[in-house]
All heavy atoms as atom14 arrays in JSON, in Angstrom:
{
  "sequence": "AAIESIAALKQPTICLMNGSAYGGGLELAMACDFRILVEGAEVGLTEV",
  "atom14_mask": [
    [1, 1, 1, 1, 1, 0, 0, 0, 0, 0, 0, 0, 0, 0],
    [1, 1, 1, 1, 1, 0, 0, 0, 0, 0, 0, 0, 0, 0],
    [1, 1, 1, 1, 1, 1, 1, 1, 0, 0, 0, 0, 0, 0],
    [1, 1, 1, 1, 1, 1, 1, 1, 1, 0, 0, 0, 0, 0],
    [1, 1, 1, 1, 1, 1, 0, 0, 0, 0, 0, 0, 0, 0],
    [1, 1, 1, 1, 1, 1, 1, 1, 0, 0, 0, 0, 0, 0],
    [1, 1, 1, 1, 1, 0, 0, 0, 0, 0, 0, 0, 0, 0],
    [1, 1, 1, 1, 1, 0, 0, 0, 0, 0, 0, 0, 0, 0],
    [1, 1, 1, 1, 1, 1, 1, 1, 0, 0, 0, 0, 0, 0],
    [1, 1, 1, 1, 1, 1, 1, 1, 1, 0, 0, 0, 0, 0],
    [1, 1, 1, 1, 1, 1, 1, 1, 1, 0, 0, 0, 0, 0],
    [1, 1, 1, 1, 1, 1, 1, 0, 0, 0, 0, 0, 0, 0],
    [1, 1, 1, 1, 1, 1, 1, 0, 0, 0, 0, 0, 0, 0],
    [1, 1, 1, 1, 1, 1, 1, 1, 0, 0, 0, 0, 0, 0],
    [1, 1, 1, 1, 1, 1, 0, 0, 0, 0, 0, 0, 0, 0],
    [1, 1, 1, 1, 1, 1, 1, 1, 0, 0, 0, 0, 0, 0],
    [1, 1, 1, 1, 1, 1, 1, 1, 0, 0, 0, 0, 0, 0],
    [1, 1, 1, 1, 1, 1, 1, 1, 0, 0, 0, 0, 0, 0],
    [1, 1, 1, 1, 0, 0, 0, 0, 0, 0, 0, 0, 0, 0],
    [1, 1, 1, 1, 1, 1, 0, 0, 0, 0, 0, 0, 0, 0],
    [1, 1, 1, 1, 1, 0, 0, 0, 0, 0, 0, 0, 0, 0],
    [1, 1, 1, 1, 1, 1, 1, 1, 1, 1, 1, 1, 0, 0],
    [1, 1, 1, 1, 0, 0, 0, 0, 0, 0, 0, 0, 0, 0],
    [1, 1, 1, 1, 0, 0, 0, 0, 0, 0, 0, 0, 0, 0],
    [1, 1, 1, 1, 0, 0, 0, 0, 0, 0, 0, 0, 0, 0],
    [1, 1, 1, 1, 1, 1, 1, 1, 0, 0, 0, 0, 0, 0],
    [1, 1, 1, 1, 1, 1, 1, 1, 1, 0, 0, 0, 0, 0],
    [1, 1, 1, 1, 1, 1, 1, 1, 0, 0, 0, 0, 0, 0],
    [1, 1, 1, 1, 1, 0, 0, 0, 0, 0, 0, 0, 0, 0],
    [1, 1, 1, 1, 1, 1, 1, 1, 0, 0, 0, 0, 0, 0],
    [1, 1, 1, 1, 1, 0, 0, 0, 0, 0, 0, 0, 0, 0],
    [1, 1, 1, 1, 1, 1, 0, 0, 0, 0, 0, 0, 0, 0],
    [1, 1, 1, 1, 1, 1, 1, 1, 0, 0, 0, 0, 0, 0],
    [1, 1, 1, 1, 1, 1, 1, 1, 1, 1, 1, 0, 0, 0],
    [1, 1, 1, 1, 1, 1, 1, 1, 1, 1, 1, 0, 0, 0],
    [1, 1, 1, 1, 1, 1, 1, 1, 0, 0, 0, 0, 0, 0],
    [1, 1, 1, 1, 1, 1, 1, 1, 0, 0, 0, 0, 0, 0],
    [1, 1, 1, 1, 1, 1, 1, 0, 0, 0, 0, 0, 0, 0],
    [1, 1, 1, 1, 1, 1, 1, 1, 1, 0, 0, 0, 0, 0],
    [1, 1, 1, 1, 0, 0, 0, 0, 0, 0, 0, 0, 0, 0],
    [1, 1, 1, 1, 1, 0, 0, 0, 0, 0, 0, 0, 0, 0],
    [1, 1, 1, 1, 1, 1, 1, 1, 1, 0, 0, 0, 0, 0],
    [1, 1, 1, 1, 1, 1, 1, 0, 0, 0, 0, 0, 0, 0],
    [1, 1, 1, 1, 0, 0, 0, 0, 0, 0, 0, 0, 0, 0],
    [1, 1, 1, 1, 1, 1, 1, 1, 0, 0, 0, 0, 0, 0],
    [1, 1, 1, 1, 1, 1, 1, 0, 0, 0, 0, 0, 0, 0],
    [1, 1, 1, 1, 1, 1, 1, 1, 1, 0, 0, 0, 0, 0],
    [1, 1, 1, 1, 1, 1, 1, 0, 0, 0, 0, 0, 0, 0]
  ],
  "atom14_positions": [
    [[9.64, -8.9, 4.4], [9.24, -10.26, 3.88], [7.69, -10.37, 3.79], [7.19, -10.92, 2.89], [9.71, -11.32, 4.89], [0.0, 0.0, 0.0], [0.0, 0.0, 0.0], [0.0, 0.0, 0.0], [0.0, 0.0, 0.0], [0.0, 0.0, 0.0], [0.0, 0.0, 0.0], [0.0, 0.0, 0.0], [0.0, 0.0, 0.0], [0.0, 0.0, 0.0]],
    [[7.05, -9.75, 4.67], [5.58, -9.78, 4.61], [5.02, -9.02, 3.43], [4.24, -9.55, 2.65], [4.89, -9.22, 5.86], [0.0, 0.0, 0.0], [0.0, 0.0, 0.0], [0.0, 0.0, 0.0], [0.0, 0.0, 0.0], [0.0, 0.0, 0.0], [0.0, 0.0, 0.0], [0.0, 0.0, 0.0], [0.0, 0.0, 0.0], [0.0, 0.0, 0.0]],
    [[5.62, -7.85, 3.16], [5.27, -7.02, 2.04], [5.72, -7.68, 0.71], [5.01, -7.77, -0.18], [5.9, -5.58, 2.13], [5.24, -4.87, 3.27], [5.77, -4.83, 0.85], [5.88, -3.59, 3.66], [0.0, 0.0, 0.0], [0.0, 0.0, 0.0], [0.0, 0.0, 0.0], [0.0, 0.0, 0.0], [0.0, 0.0, 0.0], [0.0, 0.0, 0.0]],
    [[6.92, -8.23, 0.63], [7.4, -8.97, -0.54], [6.48, -10.24, -0.79], [6.26, -10.55, -1.93], [8.72, -9.43, -0.37], [9.74, -8.26, -0.47], [9.59, -7.41, -1.7], [9.53, -7.99, -2.76], [9.46, -6.13, -1.53], [0.0, 0.0, 0.0], [0.0, 0.0, 0.0], [0.0, 0.0, 0.0], [0.0, 0.0, 0.0], [0.0, 0.0, 0.0]],
    [[5.91, -10.89, 0.12], [5.05, -11.94, 0.07], [3.79, -11.62, -0.66], [3.19, -12.36, -1.54], [4.77, -12.69, 1.31], [3.89, -11.95, 2.03], [0.0, 0.0, 0.0], [0.0, 0.0, 0.0], [0.0, 0.0, 0.0], [0.0, 0.0, 0.0], [0.0, 0.0, 0.0], [0.0, 0.0, 0.0], [0.0, 0.0, 0.0], [0.0, 0.0, 0.0]],
    [[3.31, -10.34, -0.38], [2.11, -9.8, -1.14], [2.51, -9.46, -2.52], [1.74, -9.73, -3.47], [1.48, -8.63, -0.35], [1.03, -9.09, 1.05], [0.5, -7.98, -1.17], [-0.04, -10.1, 1.14], [0.0, 0.0, 0.0], [0.0, 0.0, 0.0], [0.0, 0.0, 0.0], [0.0, 0.0, 0.0], [0.0, 0.0, 0.0], [0.0, 0.0, 0.0]],
    [[3.62, -8.78, -2.64], [3.99, -8.39, -4.02], [4.32, -9.55, -5.03], [4.05, -9.39, -6.19], [5.35, -7.52, -3.88], [0.0, 0.0, 0.0], [0.0, 0.0, 0.0], [0.0, 0.0, 0.0], [0.0, 0.0, 0.0], [0.0, 0.0, 0.0], [0.0, 0.0, 0.0], [0.0, 0.0, 0.0], [0.0, 0.0, 0.0], [0.0, 0.0, 0.0]],
    [[4.6, -10.64, -4.42], [5.0, -11.95, -5.19], [3.7, -12.7, -5.71], [3.91, -13.67, -6.43], [5.93, -12.74, -4.48], [0.0, 0.0, 0.0], [0.0, 0.0, 0.0], [0.0, 0.0, 0.0], [0.0, 0.0, 0.0], [0.0, 0.0, 0.0], [0.0, 0.0, 0.0], [0.0, 0.0, 0.0], [0.0, 0.0, 0.0], [0.0, 0.0, 0.0]],
    [[2.6, -12.31, -5.16], [1.35, -13.07, -5.54], [1.13, -13.07, -6.96], [1.23, -12.01, -7.62], [0.23, -12.63, -4.83], [0.2, -12.75, -3.22], [-1.07, -12.07, -2.61], [0.09, -14.24, -2.92], [0.0, 0.0, 0.0], [0.0, 0.0, 0.0], [0.0, 0.0, 0.0], [0.0, 0.0, 0.0], [0.0, 0.0, 0.0], [0.0, 0.0, 0.0]],
    [[0.74, -14.22, -7.65], [0.49, -14.18, -9.01], [-0.88, -13.52, -9.43], [-1.07, -13.06, -10.55], [0.47, -15.67, -9.51], [-0.6, -16.53, -8.83], [-0.36, -18.08, -9.23], [-1.32, -19.02, -8.45], [-0.99, -20.35, -8.69], [0.0, 0.0, 0.0], [0.0, 0.0, 0.0], [0.0, 0.0, 0.0], [0.0, 0.0, 0.0], [0.0, 0.0, 0.0]],
    [[-1.83, -13.57, -8.37], [-3.15, -13.03, -8.65], [-2.96, -11.41, -8.53], [-2.12, -10.85, -7.91], [-4.09, -13.47, -7.57], [-4.35, -14.85, -7.6], [-3.48, -15.68, -6.66], [-2.51, -15.25, -6.23], [-4.01, -16.93, -6.31], [0.0, 0.0, 0.0], [0.0, 0.0, 0.0], [0.0, 0.0, 0.0], [0.0, 0.0, 0.0], [0.0, 0.0, 0.0]],
    [[-3.99, -10.82, -9.23], [-4.08, -9.24, -9.06], [-4.38, -8.96, -7.74], [-5.23, -9.53, -7.01], [-5.07, -8.95, -10.14], [-5.94, -10.16, -10.29], [-4.96, -11.28, -10.16], [0.0, 0.0, 0.0], [0.0, 0.0, 0.0], [0.0, 0.0, 0.0], [0.0, 0.0, 0.0], [0.0, 0.0, 0.0], [0.0, 0.0, 0.0], [0.0, 0.0, 0.0]],
    [[-3.71, -7.83, -7.26], [-3.97, -7.45, -5.9], [-4.5, -5.93, -5.97], [-3.91, -5.13, -6.61], [-2.68, -7.46, -4.98], [-1.65, -6.84, -5.69], [-2.32, -8.95, -4.75], [0.0, 0.0, 0.0], [0.0, 0.0, 0.0], [0.0, 0.0, 0.0], [0.0, 0.0, 0.0], [0.0, 0.0, 0.0], [0.0, 0.0, 0.0], [0.0, 0.0, 0.0]],
    [[-5.44, -5.64, -4.97], [-6.06, -4.33, -4.92], [-5.86, -3.85, -3.61], [-6.16, -4.58, -2.58], [-7.57, -4.37, -5.27], [-7.8, -4.86, -6.76], [-8.17, -2.97, -5.09], [-9.27, -5.18, -6.93], [0.0, 0.0, 0.0], [0.0, 0.0, 0.0], [0.0, 0.0, 0.0], [0.0, 0.0, 0.0], [0.0, 0.0, 0.0], [0.0, 0.0, 0.0]],
    [[-5.3, -2.69, -3.33], [-5.23, -2.09, -2.05], [-6.29, -1.05, -1.92], [-6.37, -0.08, -2.56], [-3.92, -1.39, -1.84], [-3.59, -0.98, -0.12], [0.0, 0.0, 0.0], [0.0, 0.0, 0.0], [0.0, 0.0, 0.0], [0.0, 0.0, 0.0], [0.0, 0.0, 0.0], [0.0, 0.0, 0.0], [0.0, 0.0, 0.0], [0.0, 0.0, 0.0]],
    [[-7.29, -1.31, -0.98], [-8.31, -0.44, -0.75], [-7.96, 0.38, 0.49], [-8.01, 0.1, 1.54], [-9.68, -1.09, -0.42], [-10.83, -0.31, 0.1], [-11.11, 0.82, -0.79], [-12.05, -1.27, 0.26], [0.0, 0.0, 0.0], [0.0, 0.0, 0.0], [0.0, 0.0, 0.0], [0.0, 0.0, 0.0], [0.0, 0.0, 0.0], [0.0, 0.0, 0.0]],
    [[-7.45, 1.59, 0.16], [-6.76, 2.48, 1.24], [-7.88, 3.33, 1.94], [-8.27, 4.3, 1.45], [-5.64, 3.29, 0.5], [-4.61, 2.49, -0.05], [-3.33, 3.41, -1.0], [-2.51, 4.18, 0.23], [0.0, 0.0, 0.0], [0.0, 0.0, 0.0], [0.0, 0.0, 0.0], [0.0, 0.0, 0.0], [0.0, 0.0, 0.0], [0.0, 0.0, 0.0]],
    [[-8.43, 2.72, 3.0], [-9.61, 3.45, 3.63], [-9.18, 4.62, 4.44], [-9.94, 5.22, 5.12], [-10.28, 2.38, 4.5], [-9.29, 1.84, 5.59], [-8.33, 1.1, 5.12], [-9.43, 2.0, 6.76], [0.0, 0.0, 0.0], [0.0, 0.0, 0.0], [0.0, 0.0, 0.0], [0.0, 0.0, 0.0], [0.0, 0.0, 0.0], [0.0, 0.0, 0.0]],
    [[-7.86, 4.93, 4.49], [-7.33, 6.07, 5.28], [-5.87, 6.28, 4.85], [-5.39, 5.75, 3.96], [0.0, 0.0, 0.0], [0.0, 0.0, 0.0], [0.0, 0.0, 0.0], [0.0, 0.0, 0.0], [0.0, 0.0, 0.0], [0.0, 0.0, 0.0], [0.0, 0.0, 0.0], [0.0, 0.0, 0.0], [0.0, 0.0, 0.0], [0.0, 0.0, 0.0]],
    [[-5.28, 7.16, 5.66], [-3.91, 7.43, 5.33], [-2.93, 6.29, 5.43], [-3.17, 5.27, 6.13], [-3.37, 8.56, 6.32], [-4.15, 9.75, 6.08], [0.0, 0.0, 0.0], [0.0, 0.0, 0.0], [0.0, 0.0, 0.0], [0.0, 0.0, 0.0], [0.0, 0.0, 0.0], [0.0, 0.0, 0.0], [0.0, 0.0, 0.0], [0.0, 0.0, 0.0]],
    [[-1.78, 6.39, 4.77], [-0.78, 5.37, 4.85], [0.64, 5.89, 4.9], [0.86, 6.77, 4.06], [-0.87, 4.45, 3.56], [0.0, 0.0, 0.0], [0.0, 0.0, 0.0], [0.0, 0.0, 0.0], [0.0, 0.0, 0.0], [0.0, 0.0, 0.0], [0.0, 0.0, 0.0], [0.0, 0.0, 0.0], [0.0, 0.0, 0.0], [0.0, 0.0, 0.0]],
    [[1.38, 5.57, 5.88], [2.7, 5.98, 5.98], [3.71, 4.84, 6.17], [3.44, 3.75, 6.47], [2.83, 6.88, 7.33], [1.81, 7.98, 7.4], [0.9, 7.96, 8.24], [1.89, 9.02, 6.48], [-0.14, 8.94, 8.35], [0.95, 9.95, 6.54], [-0.09, 10.04, 7.45], [-1.02, 11.01, 7.54], [0.0, 0.0, 0.0], [0.0, 0.0, 0.0]],
    [[5.01, 5.13, 5.76], [6.01, 4.09, 6.0], [5.68, 2.81, 5.48], [5.29, 2.65, 4.22], [0.0, 0.0, 0.0], [0.0, 0.0, 0.0], [0.0, 0.0, 0.0], [0.0, 0.0, 0.0], [0.0, 0.0, 0.0], [0.0, 0.0, 0.0], [0.0, 0.0, 0.0], [0.0, 0.0, 0.0], [0.0, 0.0, 0.0], [0.0, 0.0, 0.0]],
    [[5.75, 1.87, 6.27], [5.42, 0.43, 5.8], [3.99, 0.25, 5.25], [3.76, -0.66, 4.45], [0.0, 0.0, 0.0], [0.0, 0.0, 0.0], [0.0, 0.0, 0.0], [0.0, 0.0, 0.0], [0.0, 0.0, 0.0], [0.0, 0.0, 0.0], [0.0, 0.0, 0.0], [0.0, 0.0, 0.0], [0.0, 0.0, 0.0], [0.0, 0.0, 0.0]],
    [[3.06, 1.07, 5.72], [1.8, 1.01, 5.16], [1.7, 1.37, 3.72], [0.94, 0.82, 2.93], [0.0, 0.0, 0.0], [0.0, 0.0, 0.0], [0.0, 0.0, 0.0], [0.0, 0.0, 0.0], [0.0, 0.0, 0.0], [0.0, 0.0, 0.0], [0.0, 0.0, 0.0], [0.0, 0.0, 0.0], [0.0, 0.0, 0.0], [0.0, 0.0, 0.0]],
    [[2.4, 2.49, 3.35], [2.54, 2.86, 1.91], [3.3, 1.85, 1.18], [3.02, 1.64, 0.08], [3.06, 4.21, 1.89], [3.21, 4.81, 0.38], [1.84, 4.72, -0.28], [3.71, 6.24, 0.44], [0.0, 0.0, 0.0], [0.0, 0.0, 0.0], [0.0, 0.0, 0.0], [0.0, 0.0, 0.0], [0.0, 0.0, 0.0], [0.0, 0.0, 0.0]],
    [[4.34, 1.25, 1.79], [5.13, 0.27, 1.13], [4.28, -0.92, 0.77], [4.36, -1.64, -0.29], [6.42, -0.19, 1.97], [7.37, 0.96, 1.99], [8.53, 0.64, 2.92], [8.24, 0.36, 4.05], [9.7, 0.76, 2.41], [0.0, 0.0, 0.0], [0.0, 0.0, 0.0], [0.0, 0.0, 0.0], [0.0, 0.0, 0.0], [0.0, 0.0, 0.0]],
    [[3.38, -1.3, 1.66], [2.41, -2.37, 1.46], [1.47, -2.13, 0.28], [1.23, -2.93, -0.56], [1.6, -2.81, 2.81], [0.59, -3.79, 2.57], [1.09, -5.23, 2.1], [-0.17, -3.89, 3.86], [0.0, 0.0, 0.0], [0.0, 0.0, 0.0], [0.0, 0.0, 0.0], [0.0, 0.0, 0.0], [0.0, 0.0, 0.0], [0.0, 0.0, 0.0]],
    [[1.0, -0.88, 0.33], [0.04, -0.43, -0.72], [0.79, -0.46, -2.1], [0.18, -0.86, -3.08], [-0.57, 0.86, -0.56], [0.0, 0.0, 0.0], [0.0, 0.0, 0.0], [0.0, 0.0, 0.0], [0.0, 0.0, 0.0], [0.0, 0.0, 0.0], [0.0, 0.0, 0.0], [0.0, 0.0, 0.0], [0.0, 0.0, 0.0], [0.0, 0.0, 0.0]],
    [[2.05, 0.07, -2.12], [2.8, -0.01, -3.44], [3.14, -1.38, -3.91], [3.47, -1.49, -5.13], [4.01, 0.8, -3.25], [3.73, 2.31, -3.1], [5.26, 3.34, -3.17], [6.13, 2.84, -1.8], [0.0, 0.0, 0.0], [0.0, 0.0, 0.0], [0.0, 0.0, 0.0], [0.0, 0.0, 0.0], [0.0, 0.0, 0.0], [0.0, 0.0, 0.0]],
    [[3.07, -2.29, -3.04], [3.36, -3.75, -3.36], [2.15, -4.36, -4.1], [2.4, -5.41, -4.68], [3.76, -4.61, -2.24], [0.0, 0.0, 0.0], [0.0, 0.0, 0.0], [0.0, 0.0, 0.0], [0.0, 0.0, 0.0], [0.0, 0.0, 0.0], [0.0, 0.0, 0.0], [0.0, 0.0, 0.0], [0.0, 0.0, 0.0], [0.0, 0.0, 0.0]],
    [[0.95, -3.69, -4.06], [-0.24, -4.19, -4.75], [-0.28, -3.57, -6.22], [0.39, -2.6, -6.54], [-1.43, -3.7, -3.93], [-1.54, -4.43, -2.24], [0.0, 0.0, 0.0], [0.0, 0.0, 0.0], [0.0, 0.0, 0.0], [0.0, 0.0, 0.0], [0.0, 0.0, 0.0], [0.0, 0.0, 0.0], [0.0, 0.0, 0.0], [0.0, 0.0, 0.0]],
    [[-1.06, -4.19, -6.94], [-1.16, -3.9, -8.45], [-1.98, -2.62, -8.59], [-1.69, -1.89, -9.51], [-1.79, -4.99, -9.22], [-0.94, -6.43, -9.11], [0.26, -6.19, -9.42], [-1.54, -7.35, -8.93], [0.0, 0.0, 0.0], [0.0, 0.0, 0.0], [0.0, 0.0, 0.0], [0.0, 0.0, 0.0], [0.0, 0.0, 0.0], [0.0, 0.0, 0.0]],
    [[-2.97, -2.46, -7.77], [-3.97, -1.33, -7.88], [-4.21, -0.68, -6.59], [-4.22, -1.41, -5.55], [-5.33, -1.72, -8.43], [-5.32, -2.59, -9.78], [-5.24, -3.86, -9.84], [-5.21, -1.87, -10.94], [-5.14, -4.6, -11.04], [-5.16, -2.44, -12.17], [-5.17, -3.8, -12.21], [0.0, 0.0, 0.0], [0.0, 0.0, 0.0], [0.0, 0.0, 0.0]],
    [[-4.33, 0.64, -6.51], [-4.44, 1.33, -5.26], [-5.58, 2.34, -5.4], [-5.58, 3.21, -6.26], [-3.14, 2.13, -4.91], [-2.03, 1.2, -4.38], [-0.66, 1.93, -4.38], [-0.27, 2.25, -5.79], [0.23, 1.35, -6.58], [0.34, 0.16, -6.3], [0.61, 1.69, -7.86], [0.0, 0.0, 0.0], [0.0, 0.0, 0.0], [0.0, 0.0, 0.0]],
    [[-6.57, 2.17, -4.53], [-7.66, 3.12, -4.51], [-7.7, 3.78, -3.08], [-7.79, 3.11, -2.09], [-9.04, 2.37, -4.64], [-9.09, 1.62, -6.02], [-10.14, 3.33, -4.52], [-10.32, 0.76, -6.26], [0.0, 0.0, 0.0], [0.0, 0.0, 0.0], [0.0, 0.0, 0.0], [0.0, 0.0, 0.0], [0.0, 0.0, 0.0], [0.0, 0.0, 0.0]],
    [[-7.6, 5.07, -2.95], [-7.37, 5.89, -1.88], [-8.63, 6.73, -1.61], [-9.3, 7.34, -2.54], [-6.15, 6.82, -2.05], [-5.83, 7.75, -0.87], [-5.51, 6.85, 0.4], [-4.65, 8.46, -1.28], [0.0, 0.0, 0.0], [0.0, 0.0, 0.0], [0.0, 0.0, 0.0], [0.0, 0.0, 0.0], [0.0, 0.0, 0.0], [0.0, 0.0, 0.0]],
    [[-8.95, 6.87, -0.42], [-10.16, 7.62, 0.04], [-9.82, 9.09, 0.11], [-8.63, 9.57, 0.45], [-10.64, 7.23, 1.43], [-9.65, 7.51, 2.58], [-12.01, 7.87, 1.76], [0.0, 0.0, 0.0], [0.0, 0.0, 0.0], [0.0, 0.0, 0.0], [0.0, 0.0, 0.0], [0.0, 0.0, 0.0], [0.0, 0.0, 0.0], [0.0, 0.0, 0.0]],
    [[-10.77, 9.96, -0.24], [-10.59, 11.45, -0.24], [-10.27, 11.85, 1.15], [-10.82, 11.29, 2.17], [-11.88, 12.11, -0.7], [-12.1, 12.11, -2.21], [-13.35, 12.94, -2.58], [-14.11, 13.31, -1.63], [-13.52, 13.17, -3.79], [0.0, 0.0, 0.0], [0.0, 0.0, 0.0], [0.0, 0.0, 0.0], [0.0, 0.0, 0.0], [0.0, 0.0, 0.0]],
    [[-9.38, 12.87, 1.32], [-9.06, 13.44, 2.59], [-7.92, 12.83, 3.25], [-7.39, 13.18, 4.32], [0.0, 0.0, 0.0], [0.0, 0.0, 0.0], [0.0, 0.0, 0.0], [0.0, 0.0, 0.0], [0.0, 0.0, 0.0], [0.0, 0.0, 0.0], [0.0, 0.0, 0.0], [0.0, 0.0, 0.0], [0.0, 0.0, 0.0], [0.0, 0.0, 0.0]],
    [[-7.42, 11.56, 2.73], [-6.32, 10.83, 3.32], [-5.0, 11.56, 2.82], [-4.98, 12.29, 1.85], [-6.42, 9.42, 3.0], [0.0, 0.0, 0.0], [0.0, 0.0, 0.0], [0.0, 0.0, 0.0], [0.0, 0.0, 0.0], [0.0, 0.0, 0.0], [0.0, 0.0, 0.0], [0.0, 0.0, 0.0], [0.0, 0.0, 0.0], [0.0, 0.0, 0.0]],
    [[-3.95, 11.16, 3.45], [-2.57, 11.56, 2.95], [-1.69, 10.32, 2.99], [-2.01, 9.27, 3.8], [-2.02, 12.64, 3.67], [-1.84, 12.39, 5.21], [-1.22, 13.69, 5.88], [-1.3, 14.66, 5.35], [-0.66, 13.5, 7.0], [0.0, 0.0, 0.0], [0.0, 0.0, 0.0], [0.0, 0.0, 0.0], [0.0, 0.0, 0.0], [0.0, 0.0, 0.0]],
    [[-0.59, 10.39, 2.29], [0.4, 9.29, 2.22], [1.78, 9.85, 2.29], [2.05, 10.93, 1.93], [0.17, 8.35, 1.07], [-1.16, 7.8, 0.92], [0.45, 9.21, -0.28], [0.0, 0.0, 0.0], [0.0, 0.0, 0.0], [0.0, 0.0, 0.0], [0.0, 0.0, 0.0], [0.0, 0.0, 0.0], [0.0, 0.0, 0.0], [0.0, 0.0, 0.0]],
    [[2.7, 8.97, 2.7], [4.1, 9.41, 2.72], [4.97, 8.34, 3.28], [4.6, 7.49, 4.12], [0.0, 0.0, 0.0], [0.0, 0.0, 0.0], [0.0, 0.0, 0.0], [0.0, 0.0, 0.0], [0.0, 0.0, 0.0], [0.0, 0.0, 0.0], [0.0, 0.0, 0.0], [0.0, 0.0, 0.0], [0.0, 0.0, 0.0], [0.0, 0.0, 0.0]],
    [[6.33, 8.47, 2.85], [7.35, 7.6, 3.38], [8.14, 8.62, 4.26], [9.06, 9.31, 3.78], [8.23, 7.02, 2.25], [7.54, 6.01, 1.36], [8.5, 5.51, 0.32], [6.99, 4.83, 2.18], [0.0, 0.0, 0.0], [0.0, 0.0, 0.0], [0.0, 0.0, 0.0], [0.0, 0.0, 0.0], [0.0, 0.0, 0.0], [0.0, 0.0, 0.0]],
    [[7.83, 8.61, 5.51], [8.32, 9.55, 6.45], [9.5, 9.11, 7.37], [9.84, 9.73, 8.34], [7.12, 10.06, 7.38], [6.61, 8.9, 8.01], [6.03, 10.74, 6.46], [0.0, 0.0, 0.0], [0.0, 0.0, 0.0], [0.0, 0.0, 0.0], [0.0, 0.0, 0.0], [0.0, 0.0, 0.0], [0.0, 0.0, 0.0], [0.0, 0.0, 0.0]],
    [[10.07, 8.08, 6.94], [11.07, 7.41, 7.81], [12.29, 8.32, 8.13], [12.87, 8.21, 9.26], [11.63, 6.14, 7.19], [10.57, 4.98, 7.28], [9.66, 4.96, 6.07], [9.55, 5.87, 5.4], [9.09, 3.8, 5.84], [0.0, 0.0, 0.0], [0.0, 0.0, 0.0], [0.0, 0.0, 0.0], [0.0, 0.0, 0.0], [0.0, 0.0, 0.0]],
    [[12.74, 9.28, 7.16], [13.83, 9.97, 7.42], [13.62, 10.99, 8.6], [14.58, 11.33, 9.22], [14.29, 10.77, 6.2], [14.75, 9.8, 5.13], [13.23, 11.71, 5.73], [0.0, 0.0, 0.0], [0.0, 0.0, 0.0], [0.0, 0.0, 0.0], [0.0, 0.0, 0.0], [0.0, 0.0, 0.0], [0.0, 0.0, 0.0], [0.0, 0.0, 0.0]]
  ]
}
């Protein structure tokens, strides 16, 4: 619900990914319109 509330915003959303993002963190980033990721970080949906 928290992530969907961000996805539903009418304004443009930017995710400034200052580090790695996993699971719900990456899901939150994907709910944004733009994603900027720092070098050296990694991402993944590792739930399985």
